[in-house]
Amino acid sequence: MSKSAMIRARIEPDVKEHAEAIFRKLGLNATDAITLFYKQVGLCNGLPFDVRIPNEETLKAFKDTDKGVGLTHYDSMEEMFDDLDAD
């Protein structure tokens, strides 16, 4: 079957550039990636990943992190992993 249907979409340039850099590492171009996505939608009969409306707890966590509330900072990954192991 020939590829003749067109898709046009507007997207933020940085989102596009980041995604296309990942596609290149995977040996894909944007057309290949969109085709894969559409095929997965067909196979799944819906989106091929969960899409959920955040609950109140998640929304509060988003707001808190945007404000810098309750964040833990580390000077190194080693320090972070040491802290995680302590729990």
PDB file of N, CA and C in Angstrom:
ATOM      1  N   MET A   1       0.849  -1.169   0.000  1.00  0.00           N
ATOM      2  CA  MET A   1       0.000   0.000   0.000  1.00  0.00           C
ATOM      3  C   MET A   1       0.899   1.239   0.000  1.00  0.00           C
ATOM      4  N   SER A   2       0.563   2.202  -0.821  1.00  0.00           N
ATOM      5  CA  SER A   2       1.401   3.400  -0.901  1.00  0.00           C
ATOM      6  C   SER A   2       1.091   4.352   0.241  1.00  0.00           C
ATOM      7  N   LYS A   3       2.104   5.107   0.607  1.00  0.00           N
ATOM      8  CA  LYS A   3       1.940   6.096   1.671  1.00  0.00           C
ATOM      9  C   LYS A   3       1.516   7.406   1.035  1.00  0.00           C
ATOM     10  N   SER A   4       0.223   7.710   1.125  1.00  0.00           N
ATOM     11  CA  SER A   4      -0.251   8.936   0.505  1.00  0.00           C
ATOM     12  C   SER A   4      -1.056   9.824   1.446  1.00  0.00           C
ATOM     13  N   ALA A   5      -1.452   9.317   2.616  1.00  0.00           N
ATOM     14  CA  ALA A   5      -2.200  10.134   3.570  1.00  0.00           C
ATOM     15  C   ALA A   5      -1.227  11.058   4.293  1.00  0.00           C
ATOM     16  N   MET A   6      -1.668  12.272   4.544  1.00  0.00           N
ATOM     17  CA  MET A   6      -0.808  13.271   5.192  1.00  0.00           C
ATOM     18  C   MET A   6      -1.312  13.574   6.596  1.00  0.00           C
ATOM     19  N   ILE A   7      -0.380  13.864   7.470  1.00  0.00           N
ATOM     20  CA  ILE A   7      -0.681  14.330   8.824  1.00  0.00           C
ATOM     21  C   ILE A   7       0.068  15.637   9.004  1.00  0.00           C
ATOM     22  N   ARG A   8      -0.635  16.650   9.508  1.00  0.00           N
ATOM     23  CA  ARG A   8       0.013  17.921   9.813  1.00  0.00           C
ATOM     24  C   ARG A   8      -0.286  18.246  11.266  1.00  0.00           C
ATOM     25  N   ALA A   9       0.730  18.627  11.984  1.00  0.00           N
ATOM     26  CA  ALA A   9       0.547  18.957  13.395  1.00  0.00           C
ATOM     27  C   ALA A   9       1.535  20.037  13.788  1.00  0.00           C
ATOM     28  N   ARG A  10       1.132  20.874  14.711  1.00  0.00           N
ATOM     29  CA  ARG A  10       2.025  21.875  15.275  1.00  0.00           C
ATOM     30  C   ARG A  10       2.482  21.363  16.640  1.00  0.00           C
ATOM     31  N   ILE A  11       3.770  21.515  16.902  1.00  0.00           N
ATOM     32  CA  ILE A  11       4.348  21.027  18.153  1.00  0.00           C
ATOM     33  C   ILE A  11       5.467  21.981  18.559  1.00  0.00           C
ATOM     34  N   GLU A  12       5.725  22.050  19.853  1.00  0.00           N
ATOM     35  CA  GLU A  12       6.810  22.916  20.333  1.00  0.00           C
ATOM     36  C   GLU A  12       8.131  22.432  19.747  1.00  0.00           C
ATOM     37  N   PRO A  13       8.948  23.356  19.232  1.00  0.00           N
ATOM     38  CA  PRO A  13      10.208  22.961  18.587  1.00  0.00           C
ATOM     39  C   PRO A  13      11.113  22.113  19.463  1.00  0.00           C
ATOM     40  N   ASP A  14      11.224  22.441  20.757  1.00  0.00           N
ATOM     41  CA  ASP A  14      12.127  21.660  21.612  1.00  0.00           C
ATOM     42  C   ASP A  14      11.623  20.242  21.828  1.00  0.00           C
ATOM     43  N   VAL A  15      10.306  20.072  21.894  1.00  0.00           N
ATOM     44  CA  VAL A  15       9.734  18.728  22.036  1.00  0.00           C
ATOM     45  C   VAL A  15      10.040  17.916  20.773  1.00  0.00           C
ATOM     46  N   LYS A  16       9.861  18.540  19.616  1.00  0.00           N
ATOM     47  CA  LYS A  16      10.126  17.880  18.334  1.00  0.00           C
ATOM     48  C   LYS A  16      11.601  17.484  18.223  1.00  0.00           C
ATOM     49  N   GLU A  17      12.493  18.406  18.534  1.00  0.00           N
ATOM     50  CA  GLU A  17      13.928  18.136  18.416  1.00  0.00           C
ATOM     51  C   GLU A  17      14.371  17.008  19.342  1.00  0.00           C
ATOM     52  N   HIS A  18      13.866  17.027  20.575  1.00  0.00           N
ATOM     53  CA  HIS A  18      14.236  15.985  21.543  1.00  0.00           C
ATOM     54  C   HIS A  18      13.753  14.619  21.068  1.00  0.00           C
ATOM     55  N   ALA A  19      12.495  14.547  20.644  1.00  0.00           N
ATOM     56  CA  ALA A  19      11.947  13.276  20.177  1.00  0.00           C
ATOM     57  C   ALA A  19      12.697  12.781  18.946  1.00  0.00           C
ATOM     58  N   GLU A  20      12.977  13.672  18.003  1.00  0.00           N
ATOM     59  CA  GLU A  20      13.648  13.252  16.775  1.00  0.00           C
ATOM     60  C   GLU A  20      15.095  12.803  17.031  1.00  0.00           C
ATOM     61  N   ALA A  21      15.735  13.367  18.046  1.00  0.00           N
ATOM     62  CA  ALA A  21      17.073  12.895  18.421  1.00  0.00           C
ATOM     63  C   ALA A  21      16.991  11.455  18.926  1.00  0.00           C
ATOM     64  N   ILE A  22      15.968  11.148  19.683  1.00  0.00           N
ATOM     65  CA  ILE A  22      15.769   9.779  20.167  1.00  0.00           C
ATOM     66  C   ILE A  22      15.436   8.854  19.003  1.00  0.00           C
ATOM     67  N   PHE A  23      14.564   9.322  18.093  1.00  0.00           N
ATOM     68  CA  PHE A  23      14.230   8.506  16.924  1.00  0.00           C
ATOM     69  C   PHE A  23      15.491   8.135  16.144  1.00  0.00           C
ATOM     70  N   ARG A  24      16.385   9.123  15.948  1.00  0.00           N
ATOM     71  CA  ARG A  24      17.621   8.861  15.196  1.00  0.00           C
ATOM     72  C   ARG A  24      18.452   7.770  15.866  1.00  0.00           C
ATOM     73  N   LYS A  25      18.532   7.811  17.201  1.00  0.00           N
ATOM     74  CA  LYS A  25      19.280   6.780  17.922  1.00  0.00           C
ATOM     75  C   LYS A  25      18.654   5.403  17.716  1.00  0.00           C
ATOM     76  N   LEU A  26      17.348   5.385  17.484  1.00  0.00           N
ATOM     77  CA  LEU A  26      16.637   4.128  17.259  1.00  0.00           C
ATOM     78  C   LEU A  26      16.594   3.737  15.791  1.00  0.00           C
ATOM     79  N   GLY A  27      17.180   4.590  14.931  1.00  0.00           N
ATOM     80  CA  GLY A  27      17.177   4.301  13.498  1.00  0.00           C
ATOM     81  C   GLY A  27      15.861   4.623  12.823  1.00  0.00           C
ATOM     82  N   LEU A  28      15.101   5.529  13.413  1.00  0.00           N
ATOM     83  CA  LEU A  28      13.790   5.909  12.882  1.00  0.00           C
ATOM     84  C   LEU A  28      13.796   7.368  12.452  1.00  0.00           C
ATOM     85  N   ASN A  29      12.863   7.712  11.591  1.00  0.00           N
ATOM     86  CA  ASN A  29      12.584   9.116  11.320  1.00  0.00           C
ATOM     87  C   ASN A  29      11.185   9.409  11.858  1.00  0.00           C
ATOM     88  N   ALA A  30      10.740  10.637  11.763  1.00  0.00           N
ATOM     89  CA  ALA A  30       9.441  11.012  12.322  1.00  0.00           C
ATOM     90  C   ALA A  30       8.308  10.221  11.675  1.00  0.00           C
ATOM     91  N   THR A  31       8.381  10.003  10.369  1.00  0.00           N
ATOM     92  CA  THR A  31       7.336   9.235   9.675  1.00  0.00           C
ATOM     93  C   THR A  31       7.267   7.807  10.214  1.00  0.00           C
ATOM     94  N   ASP A  32       8.430   7.180  10.395  1.00  0.00           N
ATOM     95  CA  ASP A  32       8.458   5.817  10.950  1.00  0.00           C
ATOM     96  C   ASP A  32       7.839   5.789  12.352  1.00  0.00           C
ATOM     97  N   ALA A  33       8.200   6.768  13.169  1.00  0.00           N
ATOM     98  CA  ALA A  33       7.713   6.804  14.548  1.00  0.00           C
ATOM     99  C   ALA A  33       6.199   7.020  14.591  1.00  0.00           C
ATOM    100  N   ILE A  34       5.715   7.921  13.759  1.00  0.00           N
ATOM    101  CA  ILE A  34       4.268   8.161  13.720  1.00  0.00           C
ATOM    102  C   ILE A  34       3.538   6.919  13.221  1.00  0.00           C
ATOM    103  N   THR A  35       4.098   6.261  12.213  1.00  0.00           N
ATOM    104  CA  THR A  35       3.494   5.026  11.702  1.00  0.00           C
ATOM    105  C   THR A  35       3.441   3.963  12.797  1.00  0.00           C
ATOM    106  N   LEU A  36       4.540   3.805  13.551  1.00  0.00           N
ATOM    107  CA  LEU A  36       4.546   2.848  14.664  1.00  0.00           C
ATOM    108  C   LEU A  36       3.473   3.189  15.689  1.00  0.00           C
ATOM    109  N   PHE A  37       3.365   4.470  16.021  1.00  0.00           N
ATOM    110  CA  PHE A  37       2.362   4.895  16.993  1.00  0.00           C
ATOM    111  C   PHE A  37       0.957   4.551  16.494  1.00  0.00           C
ATOM    112  N   TYR A  38       0.656   4.903  15.256  1.00  0.00           N
ATOM    113  CA  TYR A  38      -0.671   4.625  14.697  1.00  0.00           C
ATOM    114  C   TYR A  38      -0.957   3.124  14.658  1.00  0.00           C
ATOM    115  N   LYS A  39       0.046   2.315  14.309  1.00  0.00           N
ATOM    116  CA  LYS A  39      -0.155   0.865  14.289  1.00  0.00           C
ATOM    117  C   LYS A  39      -0.434   0.333  15.689  1.00  0.00           C
ATOM    118  N   GLN A  40       0.272   0.863  16.684  1.00  0.00           N
ATOM    119  CA  GLN A  40       0.038   0.441  18.071  1.00  0.00           C
ATOM    120  C   GLN A  40      -1.350   0.855  18.552  1.00  0.00           C
ATOM    121  N   VAL A  41      -1.794   2.031  18.148  1.00  0.00           N
ATOM    122  CA  VAL A  41      -3.157   2.464  18.491  1.00  0.00           C
ATOM    123  C   VAL A  41      -4.157   1.457  17.934  1.00  0.00           C
ATOM    124  N   GLY A  42      -3.951   1.030  16.693  1.00  0.00           N
ATOM    125  CA  GLY A  42      -4.842   0.046  16.087  1.00  0.00           C
ATOM    126  C   GLY A  42      -4.797  -1.295  16.803  1.00  0.00           C
ATOM    127  N   LEU A  43      -3.585  -1.768  17.135  1.00  0.00           N
ATOM    128  CA  LEU A  43      -3.461  -3.046  17.827  1.00  0.00           C
ATOM    129  C   LEU A  43      -4.071  -3.019  19.223  1.00  0.00           C
ATOM    130  N   CYS A  44      -3.914  -1.884  19.912  1.00  0.00           N
ATOM    131  CA  CYS A  44      -4.414  -1.748  21.286  1.00  0.00           C
ATOM    132  C   CYS A  44      -5.876  -1.302  21.329  1.00  0.00           C
ATOM    133  N   ASN A  45      -6.374  -0.875  20.178  1.00  0.00           N
ATOM    134  CA  ASN A  45      -7.721  -0.301  20.111  1.00  0.00           C
ATOM    135  C   ASN A  45      -7.843   0.885  21.069  1.00  0.00           C
ATOM    136  N   GLY A  46      -6.786   1.652  21.156  1.00  0.00           N
ATOM    137  CA  GLY A  46      -6.712   2.821  22.024  1.00  0.00           C
ATOM    138  C   GLY A  46      -5.266   3.277  22.103  1.00  0.00           C
ATOM    139  N   LEU A  47      -4.983   4.178  22.988  1.00  0.00           N
ATOM    140  CA  LEU A  47      -3.604   4.638  23.144  1.00  0.00           C
ATOM    141  C   LEU A  47      -2.741   3.507  23.694  1.00  0.00           C
ATOM    142  N   PRO A  48      -1.512   3.380  23.211  1.00  0.00           N
ATOM    143  CA  PRO A  48      -0.656   2.274  23.655  1.00  0.00           C
ATOM    144  C   PRO A  48       0.054   2.540  24.987  1.00  0.00           C
ATOM    145  N   PHE A  49      -0.498   3.430  25.780  1.00  0.00           N
ATOM    146  CA  PHE A  49       0.032   3.733  27.109  1.00  0.00           C
ATOM    147  C   PHE A  49      -1.114   4.304  27.927  1.00  0.00           C
ATOM    148  N   ASP A  50      -0.975   4.253  29.249  1.00  0.00           N
ATOM    149  CA  ASP A  50      -2.025   4.764  30.132  1.00  0.00           C
ATOM    150  C   ASP A  50      -2.068   6.285  30.105  1.00  0.00           C
ATOM    151  N   VAL A  51      -3.263   6.813  30.009  1.00  0.00           N
ATOM    152  CA  VAL A  51      -3.476   8.253  30.122  1.00  0.00           C
ATOM    153  C   VAL A  51      -4.512   8.429  31.221  1.00  0.00           C
ATOM    154  N   ARG A  52      -4.096   9.117  32.262  1.00  0.00           N
ATOM    155  CA  ARG A  52      -4.969   9.263  33.423  1.00  0.00           C
ATOM    156  C   ARG A  52      -5.031  10.712  33.863  1.00  0.00           C
ATOM    157  N   ILE A  53      -6.139  11.074  34.432  1.00  0.00           N
ATOM    158  CA  ILE A  53      -6.277  12.386  35.048  1.00  0.00           C
ATOM    159  C   ILE A  53      -5.676  12.275  36.441  1.00  0.00           C
ATOM    160  N   PRO A  54      -4.713  13.141  36.779  1.00  0.00           N
ATOM    161  CA  PRO A  54      -4.068  13.028  38.090  1.00  0.00           C
ATOM    162  C   PRO A  54      -5.066  13.203  39.237  1.00  0.00           C
ATOM    163  N   ASN A  55      -4.881  12.403  40.305  1.00  0.00           N
ATOM    164  CA  ASN A  55      -5.732  12.561  41.481  1.00  0.00           C
ATOM    165  C   ASN A  55      -5.231  13.744  42.317  1.00  0.00           C
ATOM    166  N   GLU A  56      -5.936  14.045  43.381  1.00  0.00           N
ATOM    167  CA  GLU A  56      -5.598  15.217  44.203  1.00  0.00           C
ATOM    168  C   GLU A  56      -4.191  15.128  44.794  1.00  0.00           C
ATOM    169  N   GLU A  57      -3.789  13.936  45.229  1.00  0.00           N
ATOM    170  CA  GLU A  57      -2.455  13.753  45.813  1.00  0.00           C
ATOM    171  C   GLU A  57      -1.363  14.051  44.782  1.00  0.00           C
ATOM    172  N   THR A  58      -1.569  13.559  43.573  1.00  0.00           N
ATOM    173  CA  THR A  58      -0.595  13.801  42.509  1.00  0.00           C
ATOM    174  C   THR A  58      -0.554  15.276  42.135  1.00  0.00           C
ATOM    175  N   LEU A  59      -1.721  15.902  42.028  1.00  0.00           N
ATOM    176  CA  LEU A  59      -1.767  17.336  41.708  1.00  0.00           C
ATOM    177  C   LEU A  59      -1.041  18.156  42.770  1.00  0.00           C
ATOM    178  N   LYS A  60      -1.236  17.787  44.059  1.00  0.00           N
ATOM    179  CA  LYS A  60      -0.540  18.495  45.135  1.00  0.00           C
ATOM    180  C   LYS A  60       0.967  18.310  45.004  1.00  0.00           C
ATOM    181  N   ALA A  61       1.407  17.087  44.672  1.00  0.00           N
ATOM    182  CA  ALA A  61       2.841  16.822  44.499  1.00  0.00           C
ATOM    183  C   ALA A  61       3.408  17.663  43.350  1.00  0.00           C
ATOM    184  N   PHE A  62       2.666  17.781  42.250  1.00  0.00           N
ATOM    185  CA  PHE A  62       3.106  18.620  41.133  1.00  0.00           C
ATOM    186  C   PHE A  62       3.283  20.065  41.583  1.00  0.00           C
ATOM    187  N   LYS A  63       2.275  20.573  42.295  1.00  0.00           N
ATOM    188  CA  LYS A  63       2.320  21.974  42.741  1.00  0.00           C
ATOM    189  C   LYS A  63       3.474  22.196  43.722  1.00  0.00           C
ATOM    190  N   ASP A  64       3.648  21.249  44.655  1.00  0.00           N
ATOM    191  CA  ASP A  64       4.722  21.374  45.646  1.00  0.00           C
ATOM    192  C   ASP A  64       6.096  21.380  44.971  1.00  0.00           C
ATOM    193  N   THR A  65       6.303  20.478  44.025  1.00  0.00           N
ATOM    194  CA  THR A  65       7.616  20.437  43.382  1.00  0.00           C
ATOM    195  C   THR A  65       7.856  21.681  42.530  1.00  0.00           C
ATOM    196  N   ASP A  66       6.798  22.202  41.913  1.00  0.00           N
ATOM    197  CA  ASP A  66       6.951  23.453  41.159  1.00  0.00           C
ATOM    198  C   ASP A  66       7.400  24.594  42.076  1.00  0.00           C
ATOM    199  N   LYS A  67       6.941  24.546  43.335  1.00  0.00           N
ATOM    200  CA  LYS A  67       7.304  25.573  44.315  1.00  0.00           C
ATOM    201  C   LYS A  67       8.612  25.237  45.045  1.00  0.00           C
ATOM    202  N   GLY A  68       9.138  24.036  44.827  1.00  0.00           N
ATOM    203  CA  GLY A  68      10.362  23.618  45.508  1.00  0.00           C
ATOM    204  C   GLY A  68      10.120  23.076  46.903  1.00  0.00           C
ATOM    205  N   VAL A  69       8.870  22.751  47.232  1.00  0.00           N
ATOM    206  CA  VAL A  69       8.515  22.266  48.564  1.00  0.00           C
ATOM    207  C   VAL A  69       8.783  20.769  48.665  1.00  0.00           C
ATOM    208  N   GLY A  70       9.461  20.345  49.722  1.00  0.00           N
ATOM    209  CA  GLY A  70       9.661  18.932  50.005  1.00  0.00           C
ATOM    210  C   GLY A  70      10.685  18.237  49.113  1.00  0.00           C
ATOM    211  N   LEU A  71      11.506  19.002  48.441  1.00  0.00           N
ATOM    212  CA  LEU A  71      12.518  18.405  47.570  1.00  0.00           C
ATOM    213  C   LEU A  71      13.773  18.085  48.370  1.00  0.00           C
ATOM    214  N   THR A  72      14.441  17.022  47.997  1.00  0.00           N
ATOM    215  CA  THR A  72      15.703  16.651  48.622  1.00  0.00           C
ATOM    216  C   THR A  72      16.803  16.850  47.588  1.00  0.00           C
ATOM    217  N   HIS A  73      17.864  17.521  47.993  1.00  0.00           N
ATOM    218  CA  HIS A  73      18.979  17.799  47.087  1.00  0.00           C
ATOM    219  C   HIS A  73      20.210  17.015  47.534  1.00  0.00           C
ATOM    220  N   TYR A  74      20.957  16.531  46.567  1.00  0.00           N
ATOM    221  CA  TYR A  74      22.170  15.777  46.836  1.00  0.00           C
ATOM    222  C   TYR A  74      23.318  16.386  46.052  1.00  0.00           C
ATOM    223  N   ASP A  75      24.506  16.257  46.590  1.00  0.00           N
ATOM    224  CA  ASP A  75      25.704  16.753  45.905  1.00  0.00           C
ATOM    225  C   ASP A  75      26.260  15.734  44.915  1.00  0.00           C
ATOM    226  N   SER A  76      25.832  14.467  45.048  1.00  0.00           N
ATOM    227  CA  SER A  76      26.325  13.440  44.139  1.00  0.00           C
ATOM    228  C   SER A  76      25.309  12.298  44.083  1.00  0.00           C
ATOM    229  N   MET A  77      25.456  11.464  43.046  1.00  0.00           N
ATOM    230  CA  MET A  77      24.600  10.280  42.953  1.00  0.00           C
ATOM    231  C   MET A  77      24.900   9.326  44.098  1.00  0.00           C
ATOM    232  N   GLU A  78      26.166   9.246  44.461  1.00  0.00           N
ATOM    233  CA  GLU A  78      26.551   8.348  45.552  1.00  0.00           C
ATOM    234  C   GLU A  78      25.821   8.730  46.838  1.00  0.00           C
ATOM    235  N   GLU A  79      25.765  10.021  47.127  1.00  0.00           N
ATOM    236  CA  GLU A  79      25.071  10.502  48.316  1.00  0.00           C
ATOM    237  C   GLU A  79      23.576  10.127  48.249  1.00  0.00           C
ATOM    238  N   MET A  80      22.986  10.276  47.065  1.00  0.00           N
ATOM    239  CA  MET A  80      21.576   9.943  46.897  1.00  0.00           C
ATOM    240  C   MET A  80      21.352   8.450  47.131  1.00  0.00           C
ATOM    241  N   PHE A  81      22.201   7.614  46.521  1.00  0.00           N
ATOM    242  CA  PHE A  81      22.027   6.167  46.682  1.00  0.00           C
ATOM    243  C   PHE A  81      22.284   5.736  48.117  1.00  0.00           C
ATOM    244  N   ASP A  82      23.215   6.370  48.793  1.00  0.00           N
ATOM    245  CA  ASP A  82      23.444   6.069  50.203  1.00  0.00           C
ATOM    246  C   ASP A  82      22.207   6.380  51.021  1.00  0.00           C
ATOM    247  N   ASP A  83      21.576   7.498  50.725  1.00  0.00           N
ATOM    248  CA  ASP A  83      20.362   7.891  51.425  1.00  0.00           C
ATOM    249  C   ASP A  83      19.230   6.918  51.131  1.00  0.00           C
ATOM    250  N   LEU A  84      19.109   6.475  49.889  1.00  0.00           N
ATOM    251  CA  LEU A  84      18.067   5.513  49.525  1.00  0.00           C
ATOM    252  C   LEU A  84      18.273   4.178  50.207  1.00  0.00           C
ATOM    253  N   ASP A  85      19.520   3.743  50.328  1.00  0.00           N
ATOM    254  CA  ASP A  85      19.823   2.478  50.999  1.00  0.00           C
ATOM    255  C   ASP A  85      19.542   2.529  52.483  1.00  0.00           C
ATOM    256  N   ALA A  86      19.574   3.730  53.071  1.00  0.00           N
ATOM    257  CA  ALA A  86      19.372   3.884  54.514  1.00  0.00           C
ATOM    258  C   ALA A  86      17.911   3.649  54.904  1.00  0.00           C
ATOM    259  N   ASP A  87      17.022   3.756  53.946  1.00  0.00           N
ATOM    260  CA  ASP A  87      15.577   3.593  54.278  1.00  0.00           C
ATOM    261  C   ASP A  87      15.143   2.175  54.376  1.00  0.00           C
TER     262      ASP A  87
END
